[in-house]
Amino acid sequence: MRSLVLVLCLVLSLPAMADRLLVAAGAGYKKPLTEIYAAFTEETGIGVDAAFGNMQQVLAQTRDSGRVDLVVGEQGFLRKSGLFNRFEPLGTGRLVLAYGRQRLDSWQDIADPSIERIALPDPKKAIYGRAATQFLERSGLMPQVKERLMTLATVPQVSAYLLAGTVDVGFINVTDALGIAEKIAGFDELPADLYDPPRIVLAFPTSAGQTDAAEALATFVSSDQARAIFKRFGL
């Protein structure tokens, strides 16, 4: 509650604050962020225009448009771009193996040749695609499954293929897995020592400056209300 009061005080004391923000984010966090933005707008009156895509798309939009106020993504990935000068932590991402129509006894069973289609987000563009690749390499499974991998653009696309039964299993984040849990055969959270868990942050583009509205959102995401939403979605 105290954090929300601070946000409201900030908004009320700065009448020149912009009434909308453009926030770009990785597609795998669309569901929790949509709730966060709605709650933020209700509390502050500041609207949020949300853009979602793979992280290469997010970076390109941030770099080329000059209109993005904030970005949500993995800290290391964003830092390497050189486009940001401040990062506020939101949580730690978790990789899962989700099952389409039939649950496996364990994630090791994807080595079985009967598992014909294994989907993952594009490791060159999506943080969970990179995490999935790390997992397969560190677990020793990559040589056994690499010919059966199907690369898709984003986490939600992998989830869509799982729901359609187009793939047998797919690598997604726990946030998306919780959202589709009742419509698939289940999922297993994967050992965190076999990949680098993504550190999800709210990042400030250097080109945008640190506006009052952006500061208000940064304050809001650390509130109890926002943390409860993130926790419900596995962050």
Protein backbone atom coordinates (compact mmCIF):
# COMPACT_ATOMS: atom_id res chain seq x y z
CA MET A 1 0.00 0.00 0.00
CA ARG A 2 2.80 2.40 0.87
CA SER A 3 4.32 1.95 -2.60
CA LEU A 4 0.99 2.70 -4.23
CA VAL A 5 0.64 5.86 -2.16
CA LEU A 6 4.07 6.95 -3.37
CA VAL A 7 3.02 6.38 -6.96
CA LEU A 8 -0.14 8.39 -6.51
CA CYS A 9 1.71 11.23 -4.80
CA LEU A 10 4.20 11.31 -7.67
CA VAL A 11 1.43 11.47 -10.25
CA LEU A 12 -0.56 14.14 -8.45
CA SER A 13 2.45 16.33 -7.83
CA LEU A 14 3.59 16.32 -11.47
CA PRO A 15 0.80 17.59 -13.70
CA ALA A 16 3.06 17.73 -16.73
CA MET A 17 3.57 13.96 -16.67
CA ALA A 18 2.82 12.20 -19.94
CA ASP A 19 -0.49 10.32 -19.79
CA ARG A 20 0.71 7.28 -21.74
CA LEU A 21 3.76 5.03 -21.85
CA LEU A 22 4.98 2.73 -24.61
CA VAL A 23 6.44 -0.41 -23.04
CA ALA A 24 8.00 -3.14 -25.19
CA ALA A 25 8.47 -6.62 -23.76
CA GLY A 26 9.28 -10.23 -24.54
CA ALA A 27 6.17 -12.08 -25.71
CA GLY A 28 6.53 -14.73 -23.01
CA TYR A 29 5.43 -12.23 -20.36
CA LYS A 30 2.33 -10.87 -22.07
CA LYS A 31 -0.16 -12.29 -19.55
CA PRO A 32 1.32 -10.95 -16.28
CA LEU A 33 2.33 -7.65 -17.84
CA THR A 34 -1.14 -7.06 -19.23
CA GLU A 35 -2.48 -7.38 -15.68
CA ILE A 36 0.28 -5.18 -14.31
CA TYR A 37 -0.40 -2.43 -16.85
CA ALA A 38 -4.14 -2.51 -16.17
CA ALA A 39 -3.61 -2.24 -12.42
CA PHE A 40 -1.06 0.54 -12.90
CA THR A 41 -3.43 2.55 -15.10
CA GLU A 42 -6.27 2.09 -12.61
CA GLU A 43 -4.08 3.37 -9.77
CA THR A 44 -2.38 6.26 -11.56
CA GLY A 45 -4.44 7.20 -14.62
CA ILE A 46 -1.34 6.72 -16.81
CA GLY A 47 -2.11 4.61 -19.88
CA VAL A 48 0.25 1.94 -21.19
CA ASP A 49 0.61 1.00 -24.85
CA ALA A 50 2.07 -2.51 -24.84
CA ALA A 51 4.23 -4.03 -27.58
CA PHE A 52 5.21 -7.73 -27.40
CA GLY A 53 7.57 -9.77 -29.54
CA ASN A 54 10.85 -11.68 -29.49
CA MET A 55 13.72 -9.77 -27.95
CA GLN A 56 15.38 -8.96 -31.26
CA GLN A 57 12.14 -7.28 -32.33
CA VAL A 58 11.98 -5.45 -29.01
CA LEU A 59 15.53 -4.18 -29.39
CA ALA A 60 14.93 -3.11 -32.98
CA GLN A 61 11.81 -1.20 -32.00
CA THR A 62 13.64 0.46 -29.13
CA ARG A 63 16.61 1.44 -31.28
CA ASP A 64 14.81 2.50 -34.43
CA SER A 65 11.57 4.10 -33.29
CA GLY A 66 12.85 6.39 -30.56
CA ARG A 67 9.41 6.07 -28.95
CA VAL A 68 9.84 3.21 -26.46
CA ASP A 69 9.74 4.45 -22.87
CA LEU A 70 10.55 1.17 -21.09
CA VAL A 71 11.46 -2.42 -21.93
CA VAL A 72 10.86 -5.67 -20.05
CA GLY A 73 13.33 -8.45 -20.77
CA GLU A 74 16.39 -10.37 -19.62
CA GLN A 75 19.03 -8.16 -18.05
CA GLY A 76 22.12 -9.67 -19.65
CA PHE A 77 20.57 -9.60 -23.11
CA LEU A 78 19.48 -6.00 -22.74
CA ARG A 79 22.78 -4.85 -21.22
CA LYS A 80 24.75 -6.22 -24.17
CA SER A 81 22.75 -4.06 -26.56
CA GLY A 82 24.12 -0.86 -25.03
CA LEU A 83 20.69 0.76 -25.37
CA PHE A 84 19.85 1.03 -21.66
CA ASN A 85 21.24 2.86 -18.67
CA ARG A 86 19.12 1.53 -15.80
CA PHE A 87 17.61 -1.81 -14.79
CA GLU A 88 14.98 -2.51 -12.13
CA PRO A 89 14.58 -6.20 -11.14
CA LEU A 90 11.19 -7.87 -11.61
CA GLY A 91 11.98 -11.54 -10.95
CA THR A 92 13.75 -14.67 -12.15
CA GLY A 93 12.42 -16.68 -15.07
CA ARG A 94 12.06 -20.46 -15.01
CA LEU A 95 12.29 -22.85 -17.95
CA VAL A 96 9.87 -25.76 -18.25
CA LEU A 97 9.25 -28.65 -20.62
CA ALA A 98 5.56 -28.70 -21.50
CA TYR A 99 3.72 -31.73 -22.88
CA GLY A 100 1.16 -31.48 -25.63
CA ARG A 101 -1.22 -34.45 -25.69
CA GLN A 102 0.72 -36.98 -23.62
CA ARG A 103 2.76 -36.45 -20.47
CA LEU A 104 6.18 -38.07 -20.26
CA ASP A 105 7.47 -39.75 -17.11
CA SER A 106 10.35 -37.26 -17.01
CA TRP A 107 12.11 -34.70 -19.17
CA GLN A 108 14.88 -37.23 -19.93
CA ASP A 109 12.35 -39.15 -22.03
CA ILE A 110 12.57 -36.63 -24.87
CA ALA A 111 15.60 -38.67 -25.96
CA ASP A 112 13.18 -41.43 -27.00
CA PRO A 113 12.79 -41.47 -30.82
CA SER A 114 9.00 -41.70 -30.40
CA ILE A 115 9.04 -38.01 -29.43
CA GLU A 116 9.09 -36.68 -32.98
CA ARG A 117 8.56 -32.91 -32.63
CA ILE A 118 10.27 -30.79 -29.95
CA ALA A 119 9.57 -27.07 -30.11
CA LEU A 120 11.61 -24.20 -28.71
CA PRO A 121 11.68 -20.44 -29.22
CA ASP A 122 14.38 -19.13 -31.54
CA PRO A 123 17.59 -19.10 -29.45
CA LYS A 124 18.95 -16.20 -31.52
CA LYS A 125 15.99 -14.00 -30.73
CA ALA A 126 14.24 -15.25 -27.57
CA ILE A 127 15.70 -15.65 -24.09
CA TYR A 128 13.91 -18.93 -23.44
CA GLY A 129 15.17 -20.33 -26.72
CA ARG A 130 18.68 -19.60 -25.47
CA ALA A 131 17.85 -21.17 -22.10
CA ALA A 132 16.46 -24.27 -23.83
CA THR A 133 19.60 -24.62 -25.93
CA GLN A 134 21.77 -24.33 -22.80
CA PHE A 135 19.65 -26.97 -21.11
CA LEU A 136 19.93 -29.44 -23.99
CA GLU A 137 23.67 -28.95 -24.24
CA ARG A 138 24.41 -29.16 -20.51
CA SER A 139 22.12 -32.13 -19.99
CA GLY A 140 23.81 -34.01 -22.83
CA LEU A 141 20.54 -34.41 -24.72
CA MET A 142 21.35 -32.19 -27.70
CA PRO A 143 23.00 -34.87 -29.90
CA GLN A 144 19.97 -37.13 -29.41
CA VAL A 145 17.27 -34.55 -30.15
CA LYS A 146 18.77 -31.92 -32.47
CA GLU A 147 17.26 -33.44 -35.63
CA ARG A 148 13.80 -33.28 -34.06
CA LEU A 149 13.91 -29.67 -32.90
CA MET A 150 11.38 -27.21 -34.33
CA THR A 151 12.38 -23.57 -33.92
CA LEU A 152 9.57 -21.04 -33.51
CA ALA A 153 9.75 -17.29 -32.99
CA THR A 154 8.41 -16.85 -29.46
CA VAL A 155 7.25 -18.63 -26.31
CA PRO A 156 3.54 -18.01 -27.11
CA GLN A 157 4.03 -19.62 -30.52
CA VAL A 158 5.45 -22.74 -28.86
CA SER A 159 2.44 -22.75 -26.53
CA ALA A 160 0.08 -22.43 -29.49
CA TYR A 161 1.68 -25.43 -31.17
CA LEU A 162 1.35 -27.44 -27.94
CA LEU A 163 -2.34 -26.54 -27.68
CA ALA A 164 -2.91 -27.53 -31.30
CA GLY A 165 -1.11 -30.84 -30.84
CA THR A 166 1.31 -29.94 -33.60
CA VAL A 167 4.33 -30.76 -31.42
CA ASP A 168 4.85 -33.42 -28.76
CA VAL A 169 6.74 -31.26 -26.27
CA GLY A 170 7.95 -27.69 -26.06
CA PHE A 171 10.29 -25.49 -24.07
CA ILE A 172 8.49 -22.47 -22.61
CA ASN A 173 8.64 -20.39 -19.45
CA VAL A 174 6.65 -21.27 -16.34
CA THR A 175 4.56 -18.12 -16.81
CA ASP A 176 3.10 -19.33 -20.11
CA ALA A 177 2.90 -22.91 -18.83
CA LEU A 178 0.68 -21.86 -15.93
CA GLY A 179 -1.60 -20.06 -18.36
CA ILE A 180 -2.22 -23.16 -20.50
CA ALA A 181 -1.83 -25.85 -17.80
CA GLU A 182 -5.45 -26.99 -17.97
CA LYS A 183 -5.32 -27.45 -21.75
CA ILE A 184 -2.14 -29.53 -22.07
CA ALA A 185 -0.91 -32.79 -20.56
CA GLY A 186 1.24 -30.97 -18.00
CA PHE A 187 4.76 -29.63 -17.64
CA ASP A 188 7.96 -30.19 -15.66
CA GLU A 189 10.15 -27.42 -14.32
CA LEU A 190 13.73 -28.05 -15.46
CA PRO A 191 16.81 -28.06 -13.20
CA ALA A 192 18.11 -24.51 -12.90
CA ASP A 193 21.73 -25.66 -12.84
CA LEU A 194 21.37 -26.81 -16.46
CA TYR A 195 20.68 -23.33 -17.85
CA ASP A 196 21.19 -19.71 -16.86
CA PRO A 197 17.88 -18.56 -15.32
CA PRO A 198 16.82 -15.30 -16.99
CA ARG A 199 16.85 -12.24 -14.74
CA ILE A 200 13.79 -10.29 -15.81
CA VAL A 201 14.06 -6.51 -15.47
CA LEU A 202 12.36 -3.25 -16.32
CA ALA A 203 14.91 -1.35 -18.40
CA PHE A 204 15.19 2.37 -19.19
CA PRO A 205 16.34 3.18 -22.75
CA THR A 206 19.03 5.83 -22.79
CA SER A 207 17.36 7.54 -25.74
CA ALA A 208 14.05 7.98 -23.90
CA GLY A 209 15.31 9.60 -20.74
CA GLN A 210 13.79 8.90 -17.33
CA THR A 211 10.36 10.47 -17.49
CA ASP A 212 8.02 10.93 -14.56
CA ALA A 213 5.56 8.41 -15.99
CA ALA A 214 8.33 5.83 -16.40
CA GLU A 215 9.43 6.44 -12.82
CA ALA A 216 5.84 5.91 -11.68
CA LEU A 217 5.71 2.49 -13.37
CA ALA A 218 9.11 1.56 -11.91
CA THR A 219 7.72 2.36 -8.46
CA PHE A 220 4.50 0.47 -9.10
CA VAL A 221 6.17 -2.79 -10.16
CA SER A 222 7.84 -3.01 -6.75
CA SER A 223 4.51 -2.63 -4.91
CA ASP A 224 2.83 -5.50 -3.06
CA GLN A 225 0.01 -5.51 -5.61
CA ALA A 226 2.39 -5.94 -8.54
CA ARG A 227 4.52 -8.52 -6.74
CA ALA A 228 1.43 -10.61 -6.06
CA ILE A 229 0.64 -10.64 -9.78
CA PHE A 230 4.19 -11.61 -10.72
CA LYS A 231 4.20 -14.38 -8.10
CA ARG A 232 0.96 -15.82 -9.43
CA PHE A 233 2.60 -16.09 -12.86
CA GLY A 234 5.73 -17.79 -11.56
CA LEU A 235 8.10 -14.80 -11.20
